[in-house]
Amino acid sequence: MSSQRTARRLTRLLAMLPWVIANPGATVAEVCERFGYTPRQLTSDLNLVFVCGLPGYGPGDLMVAYVDEDEVVVEMADYFSSAVRLSAPEALTLLAAGMAVMSSGQAPAALTSGVDKLQRLLLPDAESALVVDLAEPELVGDLRRAATDGSVVHIVYTALGSGATTERDIESWTVFSTMGNWYVAAYCRLAGGERVFRIDRIQEAEPTGESFSPPAEPPPPVVRYSPGVDDVEATIRLSAAAKWISEYYPLEVLEEDGDTTVVQFSASDPKVVARLLVRLGGAADLIEGPEVAEALTGLRSRILARYES
């Protein structure tokens, strides 16, 4: 398991335990919905908790965590009854991250309130002691105004994965920053659906003079992949060693049987799926997807040719 996945699992676990302790009688469905678990992931984390405890690690030092029919039970874990206290560096990092989101103009009211409370706690005598300002690429302001005004924009866009350059008209919904990059979420008329574009990959952006009616509730500002009508699809069987891709990539889980998972993977380019299958090696099998199968055969041939030469 990678260090990044371990950190995500630990973070979710430390958030889940105080809530379950504070809400006795919580059901499996409630815990899964609140913390983004599947029943199997929740059982795995509870089994991990069951063998953890205070130093000494005798039977009386270990926590009790299990599922009783449909109820999630955590006992003998009073030291998790409240959230873990942050160290000063951790609290300042959290504050800076919250202020960075606020500077993007996409902060919900709850985050603004939380940042204000945290800033008063950490910096009670210095209202402006910490300033976080994200540098904005040239087109951010134009696309943000287009989203506010409901203006259709014609863009020239170069895809990061394939390097292909296309021209398309978009109806901008939300402009946001995440993971060090700026994005615009929009309805793409060329694709016929929602798309998220990285703004530094937009070569040109010009208003068309047309207007559109923004959705009453735009999708949340996150980077995600929305399959289009022209995308290729592949059905893939994953062994336990490859199940991590179901957490890393947007895909549909079709079937789970023990350590084997069957998924439906969509991509705009079959070579993307082919490269992933080569990376997974014997941990994944392509069940269906003729375009991907052709791309996979070609990729394997090129790799073998390099070794032979």
C-alpha atoms as a PDB file:
ATOM      1  CA  MET A   1       0.000   0.000   0.000  1.00  0.00           C
ATOM      2  CA  SER A   2       1.410   3.419  -0.961  1.00  0.00           C
ATOM      3  CA  SER A   3       2.150   6.014   1.714  1.00  0.00           C
ATOM      4  CA  GLN A   4      -0.471   8.316   0.176  1.00  0.00           C
ATOM      5  CA  ARG A   5      -3.207   5.670   0.391  1.00  0.00           C
ATOM      6  CA  THR A   6      -2.127   4.779   3.924  1.00  0.00           C
ATOM      7  CA  ALA A   7      -2.402   8.447   4.946  1.00  0.00           C
ATOM      8  CA  ARG A   8      -5.884   8.711   3.425  1.00  0.00           C
ATOM      9  CA  ARG A   9      -7.002   5.550   5.203  1.00  0.00           C
ATOM     10  CA  LEU A  10      -5.618   6.709   8.549  1.00  0.00           C
ATOM     11  CA  THR A  11      -7.246  10.140   8.174  1.00  0.00           C
ATOM     12  CA  ARG A  12     -10.649   8.584   7.491  1.00  0.00           C
ATOM     13  CA  LEU A  13     -10.209   6.118  10.346  1.00  0.00           C
ATOM     14  CA  LEU A  14      -9.337   8.850  12.848  1.00  0.00           C
ATOM     15  CA  ALA A  15     -12.392  10.825  11.745  1.00  0.00           C
ATOM     16  CA  MET A  16     -14.727   7.828  11.888  1.00  0.00           C
ATOM     17  CA  LEU A  17     -13.853   6.529  15.360  1.00  0.00           C
ATOM     18  CA  PRO A  18     -14.850   9.623  17.421  1.00  0.00           C
ATOM     19  CA  TRP A  19     -18.130   9.880  15.489  1.00  0.00           C
ATOM     20  CA  VAL A  20     -19.067   6.229  16.050  1.00  0.00           C
ATOM     21  CA  ILE A  21     -18.199   6.499  19.749  1.00  0.00           C
ATOM     22  CA  ALA A  22     -20.325   9.661  20.038  1.00  0.00           C
ATOM     23  CA  ASN A  23     -23.216   8.065  18.137  1.00  0.00           C
ATOM     24  CA  PRO A  24     -23.833   4.637  19.678  1.00  0.00           C
ATOM     25  CA  GLY A  25     -26.128   2.498  17.581  1.00  0.00           C
ATOM     26  CA  ALA A  26     -24.860   3.905  14.264  1.00  0.00           C
ATOM     27  CA  THR A  27     -25.630   1.537  11.418  1.00  0.00           C
ATOM     28  CA  VAL A  28     -23.263   0.284   8.736  1.00  0.00           C
ATOM     29  CA  ALA A  29     -25.163   2.270   6.111  1.00  0.00           C
ATOM     30  CA  GLU A  30     -24.883   5.501   8.139  1.00  0.00           C
ATOM     31  CA  VAL A  31     -21.131   5.131   8.679  1.00  0.00           C
ATOM     32  CA  CYS A  32     -20.504   4.207   5.027  1.00  0.00           C
ATOM     33  CA  GLU A  33     -22.503   7.172   3.743  1.00  0.00           C
ATOM     34  CA  ARG A  34     -20.936   9.683   6.146  1.00  0.00           C
ATOM     35  CA  PHE A  35     -17.312   8.634   5.630  1.00  0.00           C
ATOM     36  CA  GLY A  36     -17.325   7.274   2.085  1.00  0.00           C
ATOM     37  CA  TYR A  37     -16.773   3.634   2.986  1.00  0.00           C
ATOM     38  CA  THR A  38     -17.937   0.516   1.248  1.00  0.00           C
ATOM     39  CA  PRO A  39     -19.123  -2.171   3.720  1.00  0.00           C
ATOM     40  CA  ARG A  40     -16.019  -4.200   2.924  1.00  0.00           C
ATOM     41  CA  GLN A  41     -13.662  -1.250   3.530  1.00  0.00           C
ATOM     42  CA  LEU A  42     -15.412  -0.481   6.813  1.00  0.00           C
ATOM     43  CA  THR A  43     -15.042  -4.087   7.979  1.00  0.00           C
ATOM     44  CA  SER A  44     -11.350  -4.006   7.052  1.00  0.00           C
ATOM     45  CA  ASP A  45     -10.752  -0.830   9.075  1.00  0.00           C
ATOM     46  CA  LEU A  46     -12.667  -2.181  12.071  1.00  0.00           C
ATOM     47  CA  ASN A  47     -10.550  -5.335  11.974  1.00  0.00           C
ATOM     48  CA  LEU A  48      -7.462  -3.114  11.994  1.00  0.00           C
ATOM     49  CA  VAL A  49      -8.774  -1.173  15.004  1.00  0.00           C
ATOM     50  CA  PHE A  50      -9.514  -4.448  16.793  1.00  0.00           C
ATOM     51  CA  VAL A  51      -5.788  -5.278  17.015  1.00  0.00           C
ATOM     52  CA  CYS A  52      -4.705  -1.777  18.095  1.00  0.00           C
ATOM     53  CA  GLY A  53      -4.512  -0.289  21.549  1.00  0.00           C
ATOM     54  CA  LEU A  54      -2.364   1.336  24.188  1.00  0.00           C
ATOM     55  CA  PRO A  55       1.206   0.134  24.858  1.00  0.00           C
ATOM     56  CA  GLY A  56       1.183  -3.173  26.669  1.00  0.00           C
ATOM     57  CA  TYR A  57      -1.109  -4.649  24.014  1.00  0.00           C
ATOM     58  CA  GLY A  58      -2.539  -7.303  26.256  1.00  0.00           C
ATOM     59  CA  PRO A  59      -6.204  -8.235  25.871  1.00  0.00           C
ATOM     60  CA  GLY A  60      -7.186  -5.490  28.297  1.00  0.00           C
ATOM     61  CA  ASP A  61      -5.254  -2.847  26.350  1.00  0.00           C
ATOM     62  CA  LEU A  62      -6.839  -3.461  22.947  1.00  0.00           C
ATOM     63  CA  MET A  63      -9.858  -1.692  21.470  1.00  0.00           C
ATOM     64  CA  VAL A  64     -13.043  -3.538  20.549  1.00  0.00           C
ATOM     65  CA  ALA A  65     -14.448  -2.796  17.103  1.00  0.00           C
ATOM     66  CA  TYR A  66     -16.891  -4.917  15.160  1.00  0.00           C
ATOM     67  CA  VAL A  67     -20.244  -5.040  13.355  1.00  0.00           C
ATOM     68  CA  ASP A  68     -23.109  -6.505  15.385  1.00  0.00           C
ATOM     69  CA  GLU A  69     -25.801  -7.382  12.844  1.00  0.00           C
ATOM     70  CA  ASP A  70     -26.213  -3.879  11.297  1.00  0.00           C
ATOM     71  CA  GLU A  71     -24.681  -1.856  14.136  1.00  0.00           C
ATOM     72  CA  VAL A  72     -21.106  -0.549  14.213  1.00  0.00           C
ATOM     73  CA  VAL A  73     -19.651  -1.031  17.698  1.00  0.00           C
ATOM     74  CA  VAL A  74     -16.463   0.592  19.052  1.00  0.00           C
ATOM     75  CA  GLU A  75     -15.637   0.069  22.740  1.00  0.00           C
ATOM     76  CA  MET A  76     -12.683   0.457  25.090  1.00  0.00           C
ATOM     77  CA  ALA A  77     -11.427   3.374  23.000  1.00  0.00           C
ATOM     78  CA  ASP A  78     -12.200   6.387  25.176  1.00  0.00           C
ATOM     79  CA  TYR A  79      -9.016   8.118  24.047  1.00  0.00           C
ATOM     80  CA  PHE A  80     -10.660   8.398  20.607  1.00  0.00           C
ATOM     81  CA  SER A  81     -13.893   9.866  21.978  1.00  0.00           C
ATOM     82  CA  SER A  82     -12.837  13.301  20.733  1.00  0.00           C
ATOM     83  CA  ALA A  83     -10.938  14.269  17.626  1.00  0.00           C
ATOM     84  CA  VAL A  84      -7.135  14.117  17.777  1.00  0.00           C
ATOM     85  CA  ARG A  85      -5.627  17.488  18.712  1.00  0.00           C
ATOM     86  CA  LEU A  86      -3.627  19.224  16.019  1.00  0.00           C
ATOM     87  CA  SER A  87      -0.058  20.294  16.583  1.00  0.00           C
ATOM     88  CA  ALA A  88       0.752  23.966  15.921  1.00  0.00           C
ATOM     89  CA  PRO A  89       2.328  23.245  12.486  1.00  0.00           C
ATOM     90  CA  GLU A  90      -0.640  21.050  11.520  1.00  0.00           C
ATOM     91  CA  ALA A  91      -3.136  23.723  12.568  1.00  0.00           C
ATOM     92  CA  LEU A  92      -1.302  26.440  10.611  1.00  0.00           C
ATOM     93  CA  THR A  93      -1.122  24.162   7.557  1.00  0.00           C
ATOM     94  CA  LEU A  94      -4.872  23.560   7.807  1.00  0.00           C
ATOM     95  CA  LEU A  95      -5.508  27.288   8.149  1.00  0.00           C
ATOM     96  CA  ALA A  96      -3.332  28.097   5.130  1.00  0.00           C
ATOM     97  CA  ALA A  97      -5.099  25.463   3.032  1.00  0.00           C
ATOM     98  CA  GLY A  98      -8.509  26.839   3.993  1.00  0.00           C
ATOM     99  CA  MET A  99      -7.449  30.393   3.180  1.00  0.00           C
ATOM    100  CA  ALA A 100      -6.070  29.225  -0.171  1.00  0.00           C
ATOM    101  CA  VAL A 101      -9.495  27.819  -1.097  1.00  0.00           C
ATOM    102  CA  MET A 102     -11.114  31.069   0.029  1.00  0.00           C
ATOM    103  CA  SER A 103      -8.793  33.089  -2.184  1.00  0.00           C
ATOM    104  CA  SER A 104     -10.024  31.103  -5.185  1.00  0.00           C
ATOM    105  CA  GLY A 105     -13.512  32.476  -4.656  1.00  0.00           C
ATOM    106  CA  GLN A 106     -15.009  28.975  -4.283  1.00  0.00           C
ATOM    107  CA  ALA A 107     -15.222  28.656  -0.499  1.00  0.00           C
ATOM    108  CA  PRO A 108     -18.608  27.510   0.849  1.00  0.00           C
ATOM    109  CA  ALA A 109     -20.071  29.317   3.842  1.00  0.00           C
ATOM    110  CA  ALA A 110     -19.156  26.480   6.207  1.00  0.00           C
ATOM    111  CA  LEU A 111     -15.473  26.689   5.228  1.00  0.00           C
ATOM    112  CA  THR A 112     -15.430  30.483   5.601  1.00  0.00           C
ATOM    113  CA  SER A 113     -16.884  30.166   9.083  1.00  0.00           C
ATOM    114  CA  GLY A 114     -14.401  27.426  10.026  1.00  0.00           C
ATOM    115  CA  VAL A 115     -11.408  29.401   8.771  1.00  0.00           C
ATOM    116  CA  ASP A 116     -12.569  32.466  10.700  1.00  0.00           C
ATOM    117  CA  LYS A 117     -12.844  30.470  13.938  1.00  0.00           C
ATOM    118  CA  LEU A 118      -9.487  28.784  13.428  1.00  0.00           C
ATOM    119  CA  GLN A 119      -7.777  32.080  12.648  1.00  0.00           C
ATOM    120  CA  ARG A 120      -9.174  33.707  15.811  1.00  0.00           C
ATOM    121  CA  LEU A 121      -7.934  30.748  17.847  1.00  0.00           C
ATOM    122  CA  LEU A 122      -4.440  30.570  16.355  1.00  0.00           C
ATOM    123  CA  LEU A 123      -3.833  34.283  15.697  1.00  0.00           C
ATOM    124  CA  PRO A 124      -6.101  36.200  18.096  1.00  0.00           C
ATOM    125  CA  ASP A 125      -4.046  39.429  18.023  1.00  0.00           C
ATOM    126  CA  ALA A 126      -3.125  39.528  14.353  1.00  0.00           C
ATOM    127  CA  GLU A 127      -6.128  39.776  12.075  1.00  0.00           C
ATOM    128  CA  SER A 128      -4.021  39.921   8.894  1.00  0.00           C
ATOM    129  CA  ALA A 129      -0.948  38.027  10.045  1.00  0.00           C
ATOM    130  CA  LEU A 130      -1.451  35.256   7.514  1.00  0.00           C
ATOM    131  CA  VAL A 131      -2.314  36.010   3.898  1.00  0.00           C
ATOM    132  CA  VAL A 132      -2.672  33.319   1.251  1.00  0.00           C
ATOM    133  CA  ASP A 133      -3.060  34.557  -2.306  1.00  0.00           C
ATOM    134  CA  LEU A 134      -3.034  32.239  -5.313  1.00  0.00           C
ATOM    135  CA  ALA A 135      -1.491  33.562  -8.506  1.00  0.00           C
ATOM    136  CA  GLU A 136      -4.102  33.484 -11.243  1.00  0.00           C
ATOM    137  CA  PRO A 137      -3.328  32.527 -14.850  1.00  0.00           C
ATOM    138  CA  GLU A 138      -4.244  35.105 -17.451  1.00  0.00           C
ATOM    139  CA  LEU A 139      -7.570  33.520 -18.468  1.00  0.00           C
ATOM    140  CA  VAL A 140      -8.976  32.882 -14.982  1.00  0.00           C
ATOM    141  CA  GLY A 141     -10.655  36.290 -14.716  1.00  0.00           C
ATOM    142  CA  ASP A 142     -12.186  36.055 -18.207  1.00  0.00           C
ATOM    143  CA  LEU A 143     -13.605  32.582 -17.593  1.00  0.00           C
ATOM    144  CA  ARG A 144     -14.911  33.567 -14.160  1.00  0.00           C
ATOM    145  CA  ARG A 145     -16.726  36.553 -15.683  1.00  0.00           C
ATOM    146  CA  ALA A 146     -18.131  34.300 -18.411  1.00  0.00           C
ATOM    147  CA  ALA A 147     -19.491  31.964 -15.717  1.00  0.00           C
ATOM    148  CA  THR A 148     -21.049  34.883 -13.841  1.00  0.00           C
ATOM    149  CA  ASP A 149     -22.513  36.515 -16.975  1.00  0.00           C
ATOM    150  CA  GLY A 150     -23.625  33.294 -18.670  1.00  0.00           C
ATOM    151  CA  SER A 151     -21.461  33.905 -21.743  1.00  0.00           C
ATOM    152  CA  VAL A 152     -20.458  31.136 -24.147  1.00  0.00           C
ATOM    153  CA  VAL A 153     -16.688  31.025 -24.757  1.00  0.00           C
ATOM    154  CA  HIS A 154     -14.818  29.564 -27.728  1.00  0.00           C
ATOM    155  CA  ILE A 155     -11.586  27.918 -26.579  1.00  0.00           C
ATOM    156  CA  VAL A 156      -8.568  26.269 -28.185  1.00  0.00           C
ATOM    157  CA  TYR A 157      -7.570  23.452 -25.848  1.00  0.00           C
ATOM    158  CA  THR A 158      -4.602  21.068 -25.801  1.00  0.00           C
ATOM    159  CA  ALA A 159      -5.278  17.874 -23.861  1.00  0.00           C
ATOM    160  CA  LEU A 160      -2.665  16.942 -21.278  1.00  0.00           C
ATOM    161  CA  GLY A 161      -2.836  13.190 -21.899  1.00  0.00           C
ATOM    162  CA  SER A 162      -3.025  12.902 -25.681  1.00  0.00           C
ATOM    163  CA  GLY A 163      -1.529  16.256 -26.711  1.00  0.00           C
ATOM    164  CA  ALA A 164      -4.386  16.723 -29.195  1.00  0.00           C
ATOM    165  CA  THR A 165      -5.557  20.307 -29.798  1.00  0.00           C
ATOM    166  CA  THR A 166      -9.261  20.951 -30.366  1.00  0.00           C
ATOM    167  CA  GLU A 167     -11.552  23.952 -30.685  1.00  0.00           C
ATOM    168  CA  ARG A 168     -14.803  23.913 -28.777  1.00  0.00           C
ATOM    169  CA  ASP A 169     -17.516  26.174 -27.349  1.00  0.00           C
ATOM    170  CA  ILE A 170     -18.058  25.903 -23.604  1.00  0.00           C
ATOM    171  CA  GLU A 171     -20.613  27.186 -21.115  1.00  0.00           C
ATOM    172  CA  SER A 172     -18.491  27.981 -18.045  1.00  0.00           C
ATOM    173  CA  TRP A 173     -20.041  26.969 -14.714  1.00  0.00           C
ATOM    174  CA  THR A 174     -17.292  27.219 -12.112  1.00  0.00           C
ATOM    175  CA  VAL A 175     -13.659  28.351 -11.995  1.00  0.00           C
ATOM    176  CA  PHE A 176     -11.632  26.823  -9.167  1.00  0.00           C
ATOM    177  CA  SER A 177      -8.150  25.927  -7.995  1.00  0.00           C
ATOM    178  CA  THR A 178      -6.987  22.578  -6.650  1.00  0.00           C
ATOM    179  CA  MET A 179      -3.720  20.611  -6.430  1.00  0.00           C
ATOM    180  CA  GLY A 180      -1.734  23.645  -7.609  1.00  0.00           C
ATOM    181  CA  ASN A 181      -3.678  24.177 -10.859  1.00  0.00           C
ATOM    182  CA  TRP A 182      -6.653  26.228 -12.039  1.00  0.00           C
ATOM    183  CA  TYR A 183      -9.641  24.587 -13.729  1.00  0.00           C
ATOM    184  CA  VAL A 184     -12.938  25.539 -15.325  1.00  0.00           C
ATOM    185  CA  ALA A 185     -15.911  23.194 -15.069  1.00  0.00           C
ATOM    186  CA  ALA A 186     -18.243  23.693 -18.016  1.00  0.00           C
ATOM    187  CA  TYR A 187     -20.761  22.212 -20.413  1.00  0.00           C
ATOM    188  CA  CYS A 188     -18.776  21.403 -23.553  1.00  0.00           C
ATOM    189  CA  ARG A 189     -20.872  21.631 -26.712  1.00  0.00           C
ATOM    190  CA  LEU A 190     -18.363  19.559 -28.677  1.00  0.00           C
ATOM    191  CA  ALA A 191     -18.474  16.668 -26.193  1.00  0.00           C
ATOM    192  CA  GLY A 192     -22.158  17.129 -25.424  1.00  0.00           C
ATOM    193  CA  GLY A 193     -21.660  16.982 -21.671  1.00  0.00           C
ATOM    194  CA  GLU A 194     -19.819  18.227 -18.598  1.00  0.00           C
ATOM    195  CA  ARG A 195     -16.049  18.578 -18.835  1.00  0.00           C
ATOM    196  CA  VAL A 196     -13.318  19.979 -16.571  1.00  0.00           C
ATOM    197  CA  PHE A 197     -10.534  21.868 -18.391  1.00  0.00           C
ATOM    198  CA  ARG A 198      -7.151  22.808 -16.953  1.00  0.00           C
ATOM    199  CA  ILE A 199      -6.849  26.510 -17.644  1.00  0.00           C
ATOM    200  CA  ASP A 200      -3.122  26.497 -18.391  1.00  0.00           C
ATOM    201  CA  ARG A 201      -3.914  24.095 -21.267  1.00  0.00           C
ATOM    202  CA  ILE A 202      -6.294  26.610 -22.881  1.00  0.00           C
ATOM    203  CA  GLN A 203      -4.397  28.362 -25.676  1.00  0.00           C
ATOM    204  CA  GLU A 204      -7.109  30.889 -26.569  1.00  0.00           C
ATOM    205  CA  ALA A 205     -10.464  31.922 -25.121  1.00  0.00           C
ATOM    206  CA  GLU A 206     -12.847  34.334 -26.863  1.00  0.00           C
ATOM    207  CA  PRO A 207     -16.507  35.140 -26.110  1.00  0.00           C
ATOM    208  CA  THR A 208     -18.841  34.087 -28.923  1.00  0.00           C
ATOM    209  CA  GLY A 209     -21.530  36.633 -28.114  1.00  0.00           C
ATOM    210  CA  GLU A 210     -23.990  33.877 -27.206  1.00  0.00           C
ATOM    211  CA  SER A 211     -25.556  33.501 -23.798  1.00  0.00           C
ATOM    212  CA  PHE A 212     -26.648  30.475 -21.783  1.00  0.00           C
ATOM    213  CA  SER A 213     -28.577  29.846 -18.586  1.00  0.00           C
ATOM    214  CA  PRO A 214     -26.262  28.481 -15.859  1.00  0.00           C
ATOM    215  CA  PRO A 215     -27.567  25.465 -13.906  1.00  0.00           C
ATOM    216  CA  ALA A 216     -29.303  26.294 -10.645  1.00  0.00           C
ATOM    217  CA  GLU A 217     -26.827  24.069  -8.782  1.00  0.00           C
ATOM    218  CA  PRO A 218     -23.514  23.651 -10.639  1.00  0.00           C
ATOM    219  CA  PRO A 219     -21.563  20.450  -9.897  1.00  0.00           C
ATOM    220  CA  PRO A 220     -19.068  20.747  -7.015  1.00  0.00           C
ATOM    221  CA  PRO A 221     -15.681  22.185  -8.052  1.00  0.00           C
ATOM    222  CA  VAL A 222     -13.602  19.003  -8.181  1.00  0.00           C
ATOM    223  CA  VAL A 223     -11.425  17.420 -10.859  1.00  0.00           C
ATOM    224  CA  ARG A 224     -13.234  14.408 -12.235  1.00  0.00           C
ATOM    225  CA  TYR A 225     -13.729  12.610 -15.516  1.00  0.00           C
ATOM    226  CA  SER A 226     -17.133  12.586 -17.200  1.00  0.00           C
ATOM    227  CA  PRO A 227     -17.438   9.874 -19.877  1.00  0.00           C
ATOM    228  CA  GLY A 228     -18.671  11.091 -23.257  1.00  0.00           C
ATOM    229  CA  VAL A 229     -20.569   9.384 -26.054  1.00  0.00           C
ATOM    230  CA  ASP A 230     -17.376   8.927 -28.080  1.00  0.00           C
ATOM    231  CA  ASP A 231     -15.367   7.340 -25.257  1.00  0.00           C
ATOM    232  CA  VAL A 232     -14.151   3.777 -25.468  1.00  0.00           C
ATOM    233  CA  GLU A 233     -15.111   1.333 -22.744  1.00  0.00           C
ATOM    234  CA  ALA A 234     -13.264  -1.652 -21.372  1.00  0.00           C
ATOM    235  CA  THR A 235     -14.316  -4.331 -18.915  1.00  0.00           C
ATOM    236  CA  ILE A 236     -11.375  -5.297 -16.717  1.00  0.00           C
ATOM    237  CA  ARG A 237     -10.929  -7.969 -14.052  1.00  0.00           C
ATOM    238  CA  LEU A 238      -8.713  -6.827 -11.173  1.00  0.00           C
ATOM    239  CA  SER A 239      -6.947  -9.006  -8.642  1.00  0.00           C
ATOM    240  CA  ALA A 240      -6.410  -7.826  -5.067  1.00  0.00           C
ATOM    241  CA  ALA A 241      -3.054  -6.269  -6.052  1.00  0.00           C
ATOM    242  CA  ALA A 242      -4.753  -3.997  -8.598  1.00  0.00           C
ATOM    243  CA  LYS A 243      -7.862  -2.976  -6.667  1.00  0.00           C
ATOM    244  CA  TRP A 244      -6.245   0.346  -5.823  1.00  0.00           C
ATOM    245  CA  ILE A 245      -7.269   1.700  -9.234  1.00  0.00           C
ATOM    246  CA  SER A 246     -10.931   1.626  -8.160  1.00  0.00           C
ATOM    247  CA  GLU A 247     -10.030   4.315  -5.591  1.00  0.00           C
ATOM    248  CA  TYR A 248      -7.735   6.284  -7.907  1.00  0.00           C
ATOM    249  CA  TYR A 249      -9.684   6.328 -11.200  1.00  0.00           C
ATOM    250  CA  PRO A 250     -13.344   7.157 -11.899  1.00  0.00           C
ATOM    251  CA  LEU A 251     -14.857   3.850 -12.947  1.00  0.00           C
ATOM    252  CA  GLU A 252     -17.884   1.643 -12.359  1.00  0.00           C
ATOM    253  CA  VAL A 253     -17.582  -1.486 -10.243  1.00  0.00           C
ATOM    254  CA  LEU A 254     -19.626  -4.223 -11.931  1.00  0.00           C
ATOM    255  CA  GLU A 255     -18.890  -7.166  -9.682  1.00  0.00           C
ATOM    256  CA  GLU A 256     -16.961  -8.035  -6.525  1.00  0.00           C
ATOM    257  CA  ASP A 257     -16.171 -11.620  -5.615  1.00  0.00           C
ATOM    258  CA  GLY A 258     -13.658 -12.133  -2.834  1.00  0.00           C
ATOM    259  CA  ASP A 259     -10.345 -10.648  -3.943  1.00  0.00           C
ATOM    260  CA  THR A 260     -11.501 -10.187  -7.549  1.00  0.00           C
ATOM    261  CA  THR A 261     -13.233  -7.059  -8.853  1.00  0.00           C
ATOM    262  CA  VAL A 262     -14.689  -6.496 -12.332  1.00  0.00           C
ATOM    263  CA  VAL A 263     -14.868  -2.837 -13.414  1.00  0.00           C
ATOM    264  CA  GLN A 264     -16.029  -0.785 -16.391  1.00  0.00           C
ATOM    265  CA  PHE A 265     -13.362   1.733 -17.414  1.00  0.00           C
ATOM    266  CA  SER A 266     -14.127   4.643 -19.784  1.00  0.00           C
ATOM    267  CA  ALA A 267     -11.538   6.836 -21.499  1.00  0.00           C
ATOM    268  CA  SER A 268     -11.362   9.201 -24.433  1.00  0.00           C
ATOM    269  CA  ASP A 269      -8.274   7.386 -25.766  1.00  0.00           C
ATOM    270  CA  PRO A 270      -7.835   3.569 -25.729  1.00  0.00           C
ATOM    271  CA  LYS A 271      -4.075   4.039 -25.292  1.00  0.00           C
ATOM    272  CA  VAL A 272      -4.738   5.420 -21.791  1.00  0.00           C
ATOM    273  CA  VAL A 273      -6.337   2.127 -20.745  1.00  0.00           C
ATOM    274  CA  ALA A 274      -3.680   0.096 -22.585  1.00  0.00           C
ATOM    275  CA  ARG A 275      -0.862   1.832 -20.686  1.00  0.00           C
ATOM    276  CA  LEU A 276      -2.651   1.174 -17.403  1.00  0.00           C
ATOM    277  CA  LEU A 277      -3.041  -2.540 -18.228  1.00  0.00           C
ATOM    278  CA  VAL A 278       0.654  -2.838 -19.089  1.00  0.00           C
ATOM    279  CA  ARG A 279       1.474  -1.166 -15.789  1.00  0.00           C
ATOM    280  CA  LEU A 280      -0.751  -3.597 -13.870  1.00  0.00           C
ATOM    281  CA  GLY A 281       0.754  -6.647 -15.599  1.00  0.00           C
ATOM    282  CA  GLY A 282      -0.674  -9.943 -14.405  1.00  0.00           C
ATOM    283  CA  ALA A 283      -2.805  -8.226 -11.759  1.00  0.00           C
ATOM    284  CA  ALA A 284      -5.425  -7.243 -14.364  1.00  0.00           C
ATOM    285  CA  ASP A 285      -7.118  -8.937 -17.334  1.00  0.00           C
ATOM    286  CA  LEU A 286      -8.975  -7.272 -20.185  1.00  0.00           C
ATOM    287  CA  ILE A 287     -12.339  -9.026 -20.519  1.00  0.00           C
ATOM    288  CA  GLU A 288     -13.945  -6.859 -23.181  1.00  0.00           C
ATOM    289  CA  GLY A 289     -13.023  -3.777 -25.201  1.00  0.00           C
ATOM    290  CA  PRO A 290     -11.860  -4.239 -28.821  1.00  0.00           C
ATOM    291  CA  GLU A 291     -10.324  -0.752 -29.169  1.00  0.00           C
ATOM    292  CA  VAL A 292      -8.340  -1.215 -25.973  1.00  0.00           C
ATOM    293  CA  ALA A 293      -7.289  -4.730 -27.021  1.00  0.00           C
ATOM    294  CA  GLU A 294      -5.888  -3.374 -30.291  1.00  0.00           C
ATOM    295  CA  ALA A 295      -4.058  -0.554 -28.516  1.00  0.00           C
ATOM    296  CA  LEU A 296      -2.716  -3.016 -25.927  1.00  0.00           C
ATOM    297  CA  THR A 297      -1.358  -5.355 -28.614  1.00  0.00           C
ATOM    298  CA  GLY A 298       0.395  -2.473 -30.352  1.00  0.00           C
ATOM    299  CA  LEU A 299       1.873  -1.153 -27.111  1.00  0.00           C
ATOM    300  CA  ARG A 300       3.204  -4.561 -26.081  1.00  0.00           C
ATOM    301  CA  SER A 301       4.749  -5.044 -29.533  1.00  0.00           C
ATOM    302  CA  ARG A 302       6.547  -1.703 -29.319  1.00  0.00           C
ATOM    303  CA  ILE A 303       7.866  -2.503 -25.849  1.00  0.00           C
ATOM    304  CA  LEU A 304       9.139  -5.912 -26.960  1.00  0.00           C
ATOM    305  CA  ALA A 305      10.781  -4.358 -30.031  1.00  0.00           C
ATOM    306  CA  ARG A 306      12.719  -1.972 -27.807  1.00  0.00           C
ATOM    307  CA  TYR A 307      14.023  -4.825 -25.670  1.00  0.00           C
ATOM    308  CA  GLU A 308      14.939  -6.905 -28.717  1.00  0.00           C
ATOM    309  CA  SER A 309      16.893  -4.032 -30.222  1.00  0.00           C
END
